[in-house]
Amino acid sequence: MKTTDKIDVREIRRKLGLNQSQFWSKIGVTQSGGSRYESGRNIPRPVQALLRLVHIEQIDINKVKKEDVEVASYLKSSNPDLFKNLKKEAREDAKTKRKESKSR
């Protein structure tokens, strides 16, 4: 999802089974602000980015640390092949874990 894409946040929220307060509070937006976005008001790019990270990519932003981002950035620039391989392995591992948790 590009940040310029028109997204249906209400549909995303409903698919996740969350009420407005639960959904929007995870990214620091009030329920009333989220309601306005769901009604068609333009969503600022930083809010779109948080929405994508938290609700689409399923990233717990409370666990993201600056040092981790710095290490990833360093690895990506200094050893792009290793970064690419680790990224692929992490994606496959996450996919396997999601399948396992669904089958329980």
Protein backbone atom coordinates (compact mmCIF):
# COMPACT_ATOMS: atom_id res chain seq x y z
CA MET A 1 0.00 0.00 0.00
CA LYS A 2 1.44 3.34 -1.02
CA THR A 3 0.68 6.23 1.29
CA THR A 4 -1.04 7.99 -1.61
CA ASP A 5 -3.43 5.08 -2.24
CA LYS A 6 -7.03 5.60 -1.21
CA ILE A 7 -7.69 3.07 1.52
CA ASP A 8 -10.92 2.02 3.17
CA VAL A 9 -9.93 2.23 6.82
CA ARG A 10 -13.40 1.31 7.99
CA GLU A 11 -13.15 -1.97 6.07
CA ILE A 12 -9.70 -2.69 7.52
CA ARG A 13 -11.01 -2.01 11.03
CA ARG A 14 -14.04 -4.22 10.55
CA LYS A 15 -11.96 -7.08 9.13
CA LEU A 16 -9.81 -6.91 12.25
CA GLY A 17 -12.94 -7.04 14.41
CA LEU A 18 -12.09 -3.86 16.33
CA ASN A 19 -14.29 -0.98 17.38
CA GLN A 20 -13.16 2.55 16.50
CA SER A 21 -11.65 3.21 19.90
CA GLN A 22 -9.57 0.00 19.87
CA PHE A 23 -8.43 0.49 16.27
CA TRP A 24 -7.48 4.15 16.38
CA SER A 25 -5.94 4.24 19.86
CA LYS A 26 -3.21 1.84 18.69
CA ILE A 27 -1.88 4.60 16.45
CA GLY A 28 -2.53 7.55 18.75
CA VAL A 29 -5.73 8.82 17.14
CA THR A 30 -8.88 9.54 19.12
CA GLN A 31 -12.10 7.71 18.33
CA SER A 32 -13.67 10.93 17.04
CA GLY A 33 -10.67 11.65 14.81
CA GLY A 34 -10.77 8.11 13.46
CA SER A 35 -14.48 8.46 12.79
CA ARG A 36 -13.79 11.52 10.65
CA TYR A 37 -11.14 9.62 8.68
CA GLU A 38 -13.56 6.74 8.16
CA SER A 39 -16.13 9.24 6.86
CA GLY A 40 -13.80 10.42 4.12
CA ARG A 41 -11.60 13.12 5.63
CA ASN A 42 -8.05 13.02 4.28
CA ILE A 43 -5.68 11.01 6.45
CA PRO A 44 -2.29 12.69 7.00
CA ARG A 45 0.67 10.70 5.66
CA PRO A 46 2.19 10.00 9.09
CA VAL A 47 -1.14 8.53 10.24
CA GLN A 48 -1.36 6.49 7.02
CA ALA A 49 2.14 5.16 7.65
CA LEU A 50 1.29 4.18 11.23
CA LEU A 51 -1.96 2.59 10.07
CA ARG A 52 -0.05 0.49 7.54
CA LEU A 53 2.63 -0.57 10.03
CA VAL A 54 0.27 -1.40 12.89
CA HIS A 55 -2.86 -2.73 11.22
CA ILE A 56 -1.65 -4.10 7.88
CA GLU A 57 1.94 -5.15 8.59
CA GLN A 58 0.96 -6.14 12.18
CA ILE A 59 4.00 -4.43 13.74
CA ASP A 60 3.84 -3.67 17.46
CA ILE A 61 5.30 -0.18 17.39
CA ASN A 62 5.81 -0.27 21.15
CA LYS A 63 8.54 -2.87 20.57
CA VAL A 64 10.37 -1.04 17.76
CA LYS A 65 13.68 0.40 18.95
CA LYS A 66 15.85 2.98 17.24
CA GLU A 67 18.88 0.70 17.58
CA ASP A 68 17.10 -2.08 15.68
CA VAL A 69 16.30 0.29 12.83
CA GLU A 70 19.91 1.51 12.80
CA VAL A 71 21.24 -2.07 12.64
CA ALA A 72 18.86 -2.95 9.80
CA SER A 73 19.84 0.20 7.91
CA TYR A 74 23.55 -0.53 8.39
CA LEU A 75 23.16 -4.15 7.31
CA LYS A 76 21.14 -3.14 4.26
CA SER A 77 23.81 -0.69 3.09
CA SER A 78 26.94 -2.65 4.04
CA ASN A 79 25.83 -6.16 3.06
CA PRO A 80 22.75 -6.02 0.82
CA ASP A 81 22.87 -9.73 -0.10
CA LEU A 82 22.86 -10.84 3.53
CA PHE A 83 20.09 -8.33 4.28
CA LYS A 84 18.02 -9.68 1.37
CA ASN A 85 18.48 -13.29 2.51
CA LEU A 86 17.65 -12.50 6.15
CA LYS A 87 14.58 -10.57 5.06
CA LYS A 88 13.41 -13.53 2.98
CA GLU A 89 13.99 -15.98 5.86
CA ALA A 90 12.18 -13.73 8.33
CA ARG A 91 9.21 -13.42 5.98
CA GLU A 92 9.03 -17.19 5.52
CA ASP A 93 9.33 -17.76 9.27
CA ALA A 94 6.53 -15.29 10.00
CA LYS A 95 4.35 -16.93 7.37
CA THR A 96 4.95 -20.37 8.91
CA LYS A 97 4.14 -19.06 12.40
CA ARG A 98 0.89 -17.49 11.16
CA LYS A 99 -0.16 -20.79 9.57
CA GLU A 100 0.67 -22.68 12.77
CA SER A 101 -1.31 -20.28 14.94
CA LYS A 102 -4.34 -20.52 12.63
CA SER A 103 -4.32 -24.32 12.76
CA ARG A 104 -4.48 -24.37 16.58
